[in-house]
Amino acid sequence: MPTYDYQCQTCGHAFEAKQSMKDPHLTDCPQPGCAGPVRRKIGLGSGFIFKGSGFYITDYRSDAYKAAAKQDSSSSSGAGTAAASSGGTSSSSSATT
């Protein structure tokens, strides 16, 4: 059921009311001693929250894309370690020569 914001035109009291969309607008202020007219305020509405899996583009990737991504990540990490180890060997051999 939606929540609507109201404000009294006489005393300025602001309040919320849960109403069905089919219910008529409220007309009287609920504050004791004030029977002023109320006006429904325009709200931004409520947001919604995605919970659980299945809401990201990466959740819908194809198996071929996942395999290529895994291959790219393993080859890039392997190339970095190979370059570091070969660089260490060449520097030690040049020092002895």
C-alpha atoms as a PDB file:
ATOM      1  CA  MET A   1       0.000   0.000   0.000  1.00  0.00           C
ATOM      2  CA  PRO A   2       1.481   3.405  -0.930  1.00  0.00           C
ATOM      3  CA  THR A   3       2.423   6.030   1.629  1.00  0.00           C
ATOM      4  CA  TYR A   4       1.374   9.610   0.909  1.00  0.00           C
ATOM      5  CA  ASP A   5       2.725  12.804   2.479  1.00  0.00           C
ATOM      6  CA  TYR A   6       0.287  15.479   3.632  1.00  0.00           C
ATOM      7  CA  GLN A   7       0.727  18.946   5.116  1.00  0.00           C
ATOM      8  CA  CYS A   8      -1.819  21.083   6.939  1.00  0.00           C
ATOM      9  CA  GLN A   9      -2.443  24.479   5.338  1.00  0.00           C
ATOM     10  CA  THR A  10      -3.343  26.058   8.712  1.00  0.00           C
ATOM     11  CA  CYS A  11      -0.809  24.781  11.279  1.00  0.00           C
ATOM     12  CA  GLY A  12       1.883  23.394   8.943  1.00  0.00           C
ATOM     13  CA  HIS A  13       1.796  19.888  10.502  1.00  0.00           C
ATOM     14  CA  ALA A  14       3.293  17.332   8.095  1.00  0.00           C
ATOM     15  CA  PHE A  15       2.370  13.651   8.276  1.00  0.00           C
ATOM     16  CA  GLU A  16       2.253  10.447   6.271  1.00  0.00           C
ATOM     17  CA  ALA A  17      -0.740   8.247   5.582  1.00  0.00           C
ATOM     18  CA  LYS A  18      -0.861   4.737   4.138  1.00  0.00           C
ATOM     19  CA  GLN A  19      -3.729   4.630   1.690  1.00  0.00           C
ATOM     20  CA  SER A  20      -4.895   2.598  -1.218  1.00  0.00           C
ATOM     21  CA  MET A  21      -4.732   4.315  -4.588  1.00  0.00           C
ATOM     22  CA  LYS A  22      -8.522   4.126  -4.717  1.00  0.00           C
ATOM     23  CA  ASP A  23      -9.017   5.901  -1.357  1.00  0.00           C
ATOM     24  CA  PRO A  24     -10.048   9.572  -1.479  1.00  0.00           C
ATOM     25  CA  HIS A  25      -7.532  12.220  -0.388  1.00  0.00           C
ATOM     26  CA  LEU A  26      -7.544  13.231   3.276  1.00  0.00           C
ATOM     27  CA  THR A  27      -9.118  16.634   3.917  1.00  0.00           C
ATOM     28  CA  ASP A  28      -8.744  17.415   7.657  1.00  0.00           C
ATOM     29  CA  CYS A  29      -5.659  17.845   9.835  1.00  0.00           C
ATOM     30  CA  PRO A  30      -5.229  15.059  12.440  1.00  0.00           C
ATOM     31  CA  GLN A  31      -3.673  17.419  15.029  1.00  0.00           C
ATOM     32  CA  PRO A  32      -5.860  17.992  18.092  1.00  0.00           C
ATOM     33  CA  GLY A  33      -7.463  21.439  18.015  1.00  0.00           C
ATOM     34  CA  CYS A  34      -6.741  22.010  14.323  1.00  0.00           C
ATOM     35  CA  ALA A  35      -9.309  21.227  11.682  1.00  0.00           C
ATOM     36  CA  GLY A  36      -7.482  22.951   8.876  1.00  0.00           C
ATOM     37  CA  PRO A  37      -7.444  21.644   5.328  1.00  0.00           C
ATOM     38  CA  VAL A  38      -4.579  19.392   4.283  1.00  0.00           C
ATOM     39  CA  ARG A  39      -2.881  19.158   0.942  1.00  0.00           C
ATOM     40  CA  ARG A  40      -1.188  16.074  -0.405  1.00  0.00           C
ATOM     41  CA  LYS A  41       2.434  16.773  -1.245  1.00  0.00           C
ATOM     42  CA  ILE A  42       4.103  15.517  -4.378  1.00  0.00           C
ATOM     43  CA  GLY A  43       6.711  12.942  -3.453  1.00  0.00           C
ATOM     44  CA  LEU A  44       9.577  11.364  -5.297  1.00  0.00           C
ATOM     45  CA  GLY A  45       8.208   7.904  -4.749  1.00  0.00           C
ATOM     46  CA  SER A  46      10.077   5.052  -3.212  1.00  0.00           C
ATOM     47  CA  GLY A  47      13.131   3.418  -4.623  1.00  0.00           C
ATOM     48  CA  PHE A  48      13.606  -0.291  -4.972  1.00  0.00           C
ATOM     49  CA  ILE A  49      16.562  -2.433  -4.096  1.00  0.00           C
ATOM     50  CA  PHE A  50      17.876  -5.366  -6.078  1.00  0.00           C
ATOM     51  CA  LYS A  51      18.736  -8.279  -3.823  1.00  0.00           C
ATOM     52  CA  GLY A  52      20.246 -11.565  -4.835  1.00  0.00           C
ATOM     53  CA  SER A  53      22.179 -12.597  -7.893  1.00  0.00           C
ATOM     54  CA  GLY A  54      21.152 -11.997 -11.474  1.00  0.00           C
ATOM     55  CA  PHE A  55      21.137  -8.207 -11.569  1.00  0.00           C
ATOM     56  CA  TYR A  56      24.568  -7.537 -13.031  1.00  0.00           C
ATOM     57  CA  ILE A  57      25.693  -7.889 -16.619  1.00  0.00           C
ATOM     58  CA  THR A  58      28.494 -10.215 -15.544  1.00  0.00           C
ATOM     59  CA  ASP A  59      25.897 -12.688 -14.272  1.00  0.00           C
ATOM     60  CA  TYR A  60      24.671 -13.202 -17.839  1.00  0.00           C
ATOM     61  CA  ARG A  61      27.999 -13.693 -19.614  1.00  0.00           C
ATOM     62  CA  SER A  62      28.299 -16.618 -21.983  1.00  0.00           C
ATOM     63  CA  ASP A  63      30.503 -19.607 -21.242  1.00  0.00           C
ATOM     64  CA  ALA A  64      32.794 -18.659 -24.150  1.00  0.00           C
ATOM     65  CA  TYR A  65      33.337 -15.186 -22.678  1.00  0.00           C
ATOM     66  CA  LYS A  66      34.118 -16.635 -19.242  1.00  0.00           C
ATOM     67  CA  ALA A  67      36.620 -19.075 -20.753  1.00  0.00           C
ATOM     68  CA  ALA A  68      38.357 -16.302 -22.725  1.00  0.00           C
ATOM     69  CA  ALA A  69      38.508 -14.064 -19.661  1.00  0.00           C
ATOM     70  CA  LYS A  70      40.020 -16.858 -17.594  1.00  0.00           C
ATOM     71  CA  GLN A  71      42.597 -17.548 -20.321  1.00  0.00           C
ATOM     72  CA  ASP A  72      43.508 -13.840 -20.560  1.00  0.00           C
ATOM     73  CA  SER A  73      43.942 -13.514 -16.812  1.00  0.00           C
ATOM     74  CA  SER A  74      46.085 -16.645 -16.543  1.00  0.00           C
ATOM     75  CA  SER A  75      48.283 -15.683 -19.522  1.00  0.00           C
ATOM     76  CA  SER A  76      48.832 -12.131 -18.277  1.00  0.00           C
ATOM     77  CA  SER A  77      49.774 -13.308 -14.776  1.00  0.00           C
ATOM     78  CA  GLY A  78      52.038 -16.026 -16.190  1.00  0.00           C
ATOM     79  CA  ALA A  79      53.832 -13.569 -18.504  1.00  0.00           C
ATOM     80  CA  GLY A  80      54.583 -11.234 -15.613  1.00  0.00           C
ATOM     81  CA  THR A  81      56.218 -13.949 -13.510  1.00  0.00           C
ATOM     82  CA  ALA A  82      58.203 -15.306 -16.479  1.00  0.00           C
ATOM     83  CA  ALA A  83      59.604 -11.870 -17.310  1.00  0.00           C
ATOM     84  CA  ALA A  84      60.625 -11.287 -13.706  1.00  0.00           C
ATOM     85  CA  SER A  85      62.412 -14.617 -13.433  1.00  0.00           C
ATOM     86  CA  SER A  86      64.248 -14.234 -16.767  1.00  0.00           C
ATOM     87  CA  GLY A  87      65.238 -10.678 -15.888  1.00  0.00           C
ATOM     88  CA  GLY A  88      66.816 -11.883 -12.659  1.00  0.00           C
ATOM     89  CA  THR A  89      68.820 -14.586 -14.476  1.00  0.00           C
ATOM     90  CA  SER A  90      70.182 -12.274 -17.165  1.00  0.00           C
ATOM     91  CA  SER A  91      71.351  -9.677 -14.685  1.00  0.00           C
ATOM     92  CA  SER A  92      73.293 -12.247 -12.665  1.00  0.00           C
ATOM     93  CA  SER A  93      74.954 -13.685 -15.795  1.00  0.00           C
ATOM     94  CA  SER A  94      75.993 -10.238 -17.038  1.00  0.00           C
ATOM     95  CA  ALA A  95      77.555  -9.484 -13.672  1.00  0.00           C
ATOM     96  CA  THR A  96      79.784 -12.579 -13.903  1.00  0.00           C
ATOM     97  CA  THR A  97      80.956 -11.861 -17.434  1.00  0.00           C
END
